[in-house]
N, C-alpha and C. Protein backbone atom coordinates (compact mmCIF):
# COMPACT_ATOMS: atom_id res chain seq x y z
N MET A 1 -46.61 54.84 -181.45
CA MET A 1 -46.79 53.49 -180.96
C MET A 1 -45.48 52.73 -181.14
N ASN A 2 -45.11 51.98 -180.13
CA ASN A 2 -43.88 51.20 -180.18
C ASN A 2 -44.16 49.77 -180.62
N HIS A 3 -43.18 49.18 -181.30
CA HIS A 3 -43.32 47.77 -181.69
C HIS A 3 -42.74 46.89 -180.60
N THR A 4 -42.95 45.60 -180.73
CA THR A 4 -42.42 44.62 -179.77
C THR A 4 -40.90 44.67 -179.82
N PRO A 5 -40.24 44.74 -178.66
CA PRO A 5 -38.78 44.83 -178.64
C PRO A 5 -38.11 43.60 -179.28
N GLU A 6 -36.94 43.82 -179.84
CA GLU A 6 -36.14 42.75 -180.38
C GLU A 6 -35.43 42.03 -179.22
N PRO A 7 -34.91 40.85 -179.44
CA PRO A 7 -34.87 40.13 -180.72
C PRO A 7 -36.16 39.36 -180.98
N TRP A 8 -36.47 39.21 -182.26
CA TRP A 8 -37.59 38.39 -182.69
C TRP A 8 -37.04 37.05 -183.16
N GLY A 9 -37.88 36.04 -183.21
CA GLY A 9 -37.48 34.72 -183.65
C GLY A 9 -38.62 34.04 -184.39
N ILE A 10 -38.42 32.78 -184.72
CA ILE A 10 -39.43 32.01 -185.44
C ILE A 10 -39.78 30.79 -184.60
N ALA A 11 -41.06 30.55 -184.48
CA ALA A 11 -41.56 29.38 -183.76
C ALA A 11 -42.55 28.66 -184.66
N ASP A 12 -42.44 27.36 -184.73
CA ASP A 12 -43.37 26.57 -185.53
C ASP A 12 -44.49 26.12 -184.60
N ARG A 13 -45.66 26.71 -184.79
CA ARG A 13 -46.80 26.38 -183.93
C ARG A 13 -47.98 25.97 -184.78
N PHE A 14 -48.47 24.81 -184.54
CA PHE A 14 -49.68 24.32 -185.21
C PHE A 14 -49.54 24.36 -186.73
N GLY A 15 -48.33 24.11 -187.22
CA GLY A 15 -48.11 24.08 -188.66
C GLY A 15 -47.90 25.43 -189.30
N ALA A 16 -47.92 26.50 -188.51
CA ALA A 16 -47.71 27.84 -189.06
C ALA A 16 -46.33 28.34 -188.65
N CYS A 17 -45.78 29.23 -189.44
CA CYS A 17 -44.51 29.87 -189.12
C CYS A 17 -44.83 31.15 -188.37
N ASN A 18 -44.64 31.15 -187.08
CA ASN A 18 -44.97 32.31 -186.25
C ASN A 18 -43.73 33.13 -185.96
N VAL A 19 -43.83 34.42 -186.18
CA VAL A 19 -42.80 35.36 -185.76
C VAL A 19 -43.10 35.66 -184.31
N SER A 20 -42.10 35.44 -183.44
CA SER A 20 -42.33 35.53 -182.00
C SER A 20 -41.36 36.48 -181.32
N ALA A 21 -41.82 37.09 -180.23
CA ALA A 21 -40.97 37.93 -179.40
C ALA A 21 -40.02 37.05 -178.59
N SER A 22 -39.01 37.68 -177.99
CA SER A 22 -38.02 36.90 -177.24
C SER A 22 -38.66 36.12 -176.09
N GLY A 23 -39.79 36.59 -175.57
CA GLY A 23 -40.48 35.86 -174.51
C GLY A 23 -41.38 34.75 -175.02
N GLY A 24 -41.46 34.59 -176.35
CA GLY A 24 -42.25 33.52 -176.94
C GLY A 24 -43.63 33.95 -177.40
N ARG A 25 -44.03 35.19 -177.13
CA ARG A 25 -45.36 35.66 -177.55
C ARG A 25 -45.38 35.81 -179.07
N SER A 26 -46.43 35.28 -179.69
CA SER A 26 -46.57 35.34 -181.15
C SER A 26 -46.86 36.77 -181.58
N ILE A 27 -46.12 37.24 -182.60
CA ILE A 27 -46.32 38.57 -183.16
C ILE A 27 -47.18 38.48 -184.41
N CYS A 28 -46.87 37.54 -185.29
CA CYS A 28 -47.67 37.32 -186.49
C CYS A 28 -47.37 35.93 -187.04
N SER A 29 -48.20 35.49 -187.97
CA SER A 29 -48.05 34.19 -188.60
C SER A 29 -47.96 34.36 -190.10
N THR A 30 -47.06 33.62 -190.73
CA THR A 30 -46.93 33.69 -192.18
C THR A 30 -47.58 32.51 -192.88
N GLY A 31 -48.41 31.77 -192.19
CA GLY A 31 -49.09 30.64 -192.82
C GLY A 31 -49.82 29.81 -191.80
N GLY A 32 -50.27 28.69 -192.22
CA GLY A 32 -50.99 27.79 -191.33
C GLY A 32 -52.09 27.08 -192.07
N TYR A 33 -53.29 27.20 -191.56
CA TYR A 33 -54.43 26.51 -192.16
C TYR A 33 -55.05 27.34 -193.28
N GLN A 34 -55.33 26.70 -194.38
CA GLN A 34 -56.09 27.29 -195.48
C GLN A 34 -57.03 26.21 -196.00
N ASN A 35 -58.28 26.55 -196.16
CA ASN A 35 -59.27 25.59 -196.65
C ASN A 35 -59.27 24.30 -195.83
N ASN A 36 -59.16 24.45 -194.51
CA ASN A 36 -59.20 23.34 -193.57
C ASN A 36 -58.05 22.34 -193.71
N SER A 37 -56.93 22.77 -194.30
CA SER A 37 -55.76 21.90 -194.35
C SER A 37 -54.50 22.75 -194.12
N LEU A 38 -53.47 22.09 -193.59
CA LEU A 38 -52.22 22.80 -193.33
C LEU A 38 -51.52 23.14 -194.64
N ASP A 39 -50.85 24.31 -194.64
CA ASP A 39 -50.00 24.65 -195.79
C ASP A 39 -48.93 23.58 -195.93
N SER A 40 -48.58 23.24 -197.15
CA SER A 40 -47.54 22.25 -197.35
C SER A 40 -46.78 22.57 -198.64
N GLY A 41 -45.72 21.82 -198.88
CA GLY A 41 -44.94 21.95 -200.11
C GLY A 41 -44.38 23.34 -200.30
N ASP A 42 -44.54 23.88 -201.53
CA ASP A 42 -43.98 25.18 -201.88
C ASP A 42 -44.54 26.31 -201.01
N VAL A 43 -45.82 26.22 -200.64
CA VAL A 43 -46.43 27.25 -199.80
C VAL A 43 -45.74 27.27 -198.44
N ARG A 44 -45.49 26.11 -197.88
CA ARG A 44 -44.82 26.01 -196.58
C ARG A 44 -43.41 26.60 -196.66
N ILE A 45 -42.69 26.27 -197.73
CA ILE A 45 -41.33 26.78 -197.91
C ILE A 45 -41.34 28.30 -198.02
N GLU A 46 -42.31 28.84 -198.77
CA GLU A 46 -42.42 30.29 -198.91
C GLU A 46 -42.78 30.94 -197.57
N ASN A 47 -43.68 30.33 -196.81
CA ASN A 47 -44.05 30.86 -195.50
C ASN A 47 -42.84 30.91 -194.57
N GLU A 48 -42.03 29.86 -194.58
CA GLU A 48 -40.83 29.82 -193.75
C GLU A 48 -39.85 30.91 -194.18
N ALA A 49 -39.69 31.10 -195.49
CA ALA A 49 -38.79 32.14 -196.00
C ALA A 49 -39.30 33.53 -195.62
N ASN A 50 -40.62 33.74 -195.70
CA ASN A 50 -41.19 35.03 -195.32
C ASN A 50 -40.95 35.33 -193.84
N ALA A 51 -41.18 34.33 -193.00
CA ALA A 51 -40.96 34.52 -191.56
C ALA A 51 -39.49 34.82 -191.28
N ALA A 52 -38.58 34.09 -191.93
CA ALA A 52 -37.15 34.32 -191.74
C ALA A 52 -36.74 35.72 -192.17
N ARG A 53 -37.32 36.20 -193.27
CA ARG A 53 -36.99 37.56 -193.75
C ARG A 53 -37.50 38.62 -192.79
N ILE A 54 -38.72 38.45 -192.29
CA ILE A 54 -39.27 39.40 -191.33
C ILE A 54 -38.36 39.49 -190.10
N VAL A 55 -38.00 38.34 -189.55
CA VAL A 55 -37.16 38.30 -188.36
C VAL A 55 -35.79 38.90 -188.64
N SER A 56 -35.20 38.55 -189.77
CA SER A 56 -33.88 39.07 -190.13
C SER A 56 -33.88 40.59 -190.26
N CYS A 57 -34.89 41.12 -190.93
CA CYS A 57 -34.97 42.58 -191.13
C CYS A 57 -35.18 43.31 -189.81
N VAL A 58 -36.11 42.82 -189.01
CA VAL A 58 -36.40 43.48 -187.73
C VAL A 58 -35.17 43.45 -186.83
N ASN A 59 -34.53 42.30 -186.69
CA ASN A 59 -33.38 42.20 -185.80
C ASN A 59 -32.18 43.00 -186.33
N ALA A 60 -32.00 43.06 -187.64
CA ALA A 60 -30.89 43.83 -188.22
C ALA A 60 -31.06 45.33 -187.97
N LEU A 61 -32.29 45.80 -187.88
CA LEU A 61 -32.56 47.23 -187.68
C LEU A 61 -32.71 47.60 -186.21
N SER A 62 -32.46 46.66 -185.31
CA SER A 62 -32.59 46.93 -183.88
C SER A 62 -31.73 48.14 -183.50
N GLY A 63 -32.37 49.13 -182.90
CA GLY A 63 -31.66 50.33 -182.48
C GLY A 63 -31.47 51.38 -183.57
N LEU A 64 -31.94 51.09 -184.79
CA LEU A 64 -31.81 52.03 -185.90
C LEU A 64 -33.17 52.59 -186.29
N ASN A 65 -33.16 53.74 -186.91
CA ASN A 65 -34.37 54.31 -187.46
C ASN A 65 -34.52 53.76 -188.88
N PRO A 66 -35.50 52.89 -189.13
CA PRO A 66 -35.63 52.26 -190.45
C PRO A 66 -35.75 53.26 -191.59
N GLU A 67 -36.39 54.41 -191.34
CA GLU A 67 -36.53 55.40 -192.41
C GLU A 67 -35.18 55.99 -192.81
N GLY A 68 -34.22 55.96 -191.90
CA GLY A 68 -32.91 56.53 -192.20
C GLY A 68 -32.00 55.61 -192.99
N VAL A 69 -32.30 54.31 -193.01
CA VAL A 69 -31.41 53.36 -193.67
C VAL A 69 -31.30 53.65 -195.17
N ARG A 70 -32.43 53.90 -195.83
CA ARG A 70 -32.40 54.20 -197.26
C ARG A 70 -31.58 55.45 -197.53
N ALA A 71 -31.71 56.46 -196.67
CA ALA A 71 -30.96 57.70 -196.83
C ALA A 71 -29.45 57.46 -196.67
N VAL A 72 -29.08 56.61 -195.72
CA VAL A 72 -27.67 56.30 -195.52
C VAL A 72 -27.09 55.57 -196.74
N VAL A 73 -27.84 54.62 -197.28
CA VAL A 73 -27.38 53.89 -198.46
C VAL A 73 -27.19 54.84 -199.63
N GLU A 74 -28.15 55.73 -199.84
CA GLU A 74 -28.04 56.69 -200.95
C GLU A 74 -26.87 57.65 -200.74
N ALA A 75 -26.67 58.12 -199.52
CA ALA A 75 -25.54 59.00 -199.24
C ALA A 75 -24.21 58.29 -199.45
N ALA A 76 -24.14 57.04 -199.05
CA ALA A 76 -22.91 56.26 -199.25
C ALA A 76 -22.63 56.06 -200.73
N ARG A 77 -23.68 55.80 -201.50
CA ARG A 77 -23.51 55.64 -202.94
C ARG A 77 -22.96 56.93 -203.57
N LYS A 78 -23.53 58.06 -203.19
CA LYS A 78 -23.08 59.36 -203.72
C LYS A 78 -21.65 59.67 -203.28
N LEU A 79 -21.33 59.38 -202.03
CA LEU A 79 -19.98 59.62 -201.53
C LEU A 79 -18.96 58.76 -202.28
N SER A 80 -19.32 57.49 -202.50
CA SER A 80 -18.42 56.60 -203.24
C SER A 80 -18.21 57.12 -204.65
N PHE A 81 -19.28 57.54 -205.31
CA PHE A 81 -19.17 58.08 -206.67
C PHE A 81 -18.29 59.33 -206.69
N ALA A 82 -18.51 60.23 -205.74
CA ALA A 82 -17.72 61.46 -205.70
C ALA A 82 -16.24 61.17 -205.46
N ALA A 83 -15.97 60.22 -204.57
CA ALA A 83 -14.58 59.87 -204.27
C ALA A 83 -13.89 59.26 -205.48
N GLN A 84 -14.66 58.53 -206.29
CA GLN A 84 -14.07 57.89 -207.47
C GLN A 84 -13.87 58.86 -208.63
N THR A 85 -14.67 59.91 -208.69
CA THR A 85 -14.65 60.78 -209.87
C THR A 85 -14.02 62.14 -209.62
N THR A 86 -13.76 62.48 -208.37
CA THR A 86 -13.15 63.77 -208.08
C THR A 86 -11.64 63.64 -208.25
N GLY A 87 -11.11 64.41 -209.18
CA GLY A 87 -9.68 64.33 -209.48
C GLY A 87 -8.84 65.10 -208.49
N GLY A 88 -7.69 64.63 -208.28
CA GLY A 88 -6.73 65.32 -207.42
C GLY A 88 -5.37 65.30 -208.09
N THR A 89 -4.48 66.12 -207.60
CA THR A 89 -3.15 66.19 -208.21
C THR A 89 -2.10 65.47 -207.40
N ALA A 90 -2.49 64.92 -206.27
CA ALA A 90 -1.52 64.27 -205.39
C ALA A 90 -1.20 62.85 -205.82
N GLY A 91 -1.90 62.33 -206.82
CA GLY A 91 -1.66 60.96 -207.25
C GLY A 91 -2.59 59.99 -206.54
N ARG A 92 -2.34 58.73 -206.76
CA ARG A 92 -3.19 57.67 -206.22
C ARG A 92 -3.14 57.66 -204.70
N ASP A 93 -4.32 57.56 -204.08
CA ASP A 93 -4.44 57.47 -202.62
C ASP A 93 -4.93 56.06 -202.30
N ASP A 94 -4.00 55.19 -201.93
CA ASP A 94 -4.36 53.79 -201.68
C ASP A 94 -5.36 53.64 -200.54
N GLY A 95 -5.30 54.50 -199.55
CA GLY A 95 -6.27 54.46 -198.46
C GLY A 95 -7.67 54.79 -198.94
N LEU A 96 -7.77 55.79 -199.81
CA LEU A 96 -9.07 56.16 -200.37
C LEU A 96 -9.60 55.05 -201.26
N VAL A 97 -8.75 54.45 -202.07
CA VAL A 97 -9.16 53.35 -202.93
C VAL A 97 -9.68 52.18 -202.09
N ALA A 98 -9.00 51.88 -201.00
CA ALA A 98 -9.44 50.79 -200.12
C ALA A 98 -10.79 51.13 -199.47
N ALA A 99 -10.96 52.40 -199.08
CA ALA A 99 -12.23 52.82 -198.48
C ALA A 99 -13.37 52.73 -199.48
N ILE A 100 -13.10 53.12 -200.73
CA ILE A 100 -14.12 53.02 -201.79
C ILE A 100 -14.49 51.56 -202.01
N ASP A 101 -13.50 50.69 -202.08
CA ASP A 101 -13.77 49.26 -202.28
C ASP A 101 -14.61 48.69 -201.14
N ALA A 102 -14.29 49.09 -199.90
CA ALA A 102 -15.05 48.62 -198.75
C ALA A 102 -16.49 49.13 -198.79
N MET A 103 -16.66 50.40 -199.19
CA MET A 103 -18.00 50.97 -199.28
C MET A 103 -18.81 50.28 -200.37
N GLU A 104 -18.20 50.04 -201.52
CA GLU A 104 -18.90 49.36 -202.62
C GLU A 104 -19.30 47.94 -202.21
N ALA A 105 -18.44 47.24 -201.49
CA ALA A 105 -18.76 45.89 -201.02
C ALA A 105 -19.92 45.93 -200.02
N ALA A 106 -19.89 46.92 -199.12
CA ALA A 106 -20.98 47.05 -198.15
C ALA A 106 -22.30 47.39 -198.85
N LEU A 107 -22.26 48.27 -199.82
CA LEU A 107 -23.48 48.63 -200.56
C LEU A 107 -24.02 47.42 -201.32
N ALA A 108 -23.13 46.61 -201.87
CA ALA A 108 -23.58 45.41 -202.59
C ALA A 108 -24.27 44.45 -201.63
N LYS A 109 -23.76 44.33 -200.41
CA LYS A 109 -24.39 43.45 -199.43
C LYS A 109 -25.76 43.98 -199.02
N VAL A 110 -25.88 45.31 -198.87
CA VAL A 110 -27.15 45.89 -198.48
C VAL A 110 -28.20 45.69 -199.56
N ARG A 111 -27.79 45.78 -200.80
CA ARG A 111 -28.72 45.66 -201.90
C ARG A 111 -29.01 44.21 -202.29
N ALA A 112 -28.18 43.28 -201.84
CA ALA A 112 -28.34 41.88 -202.22
C ALA A 112 -29.63 41.29 -201.64
N GLN A 113 -30.27 40.46 -202.41
CA GLN A 113 -31.47 39.75 -201.95
C GLN A 113 -31.03 38.34 -201.55
N PRO A 114 -31.49 37.91 -200.37
CA PRO A 114 -31.10 36.56 -199.92
C PRO A 114 -31.72 35.47 -200.77
């Protein structure tokens, strides 16, 4: 089964944070009415954050296999570790050091929580 194509966005409808397709069709809602009243305050802020995270994750993975992302991160971590710990006799390789630094920075961004 296929999911709704990207890009996804956020629409505020009837007090709820709706995750919507590019054509405006609602995909899901992260809040709205509870006990006959609209979500407000901290609940509303959390609902907005949840909707933003859903949209960000889906759009970031557009064209990628989500199951493969974790494997790529783990492989990059292992490659970085191997590059840092495998000794050579040629001396310092500034290009390799720069590549390791770039990989470590990218891994930190992937693991960071917004």
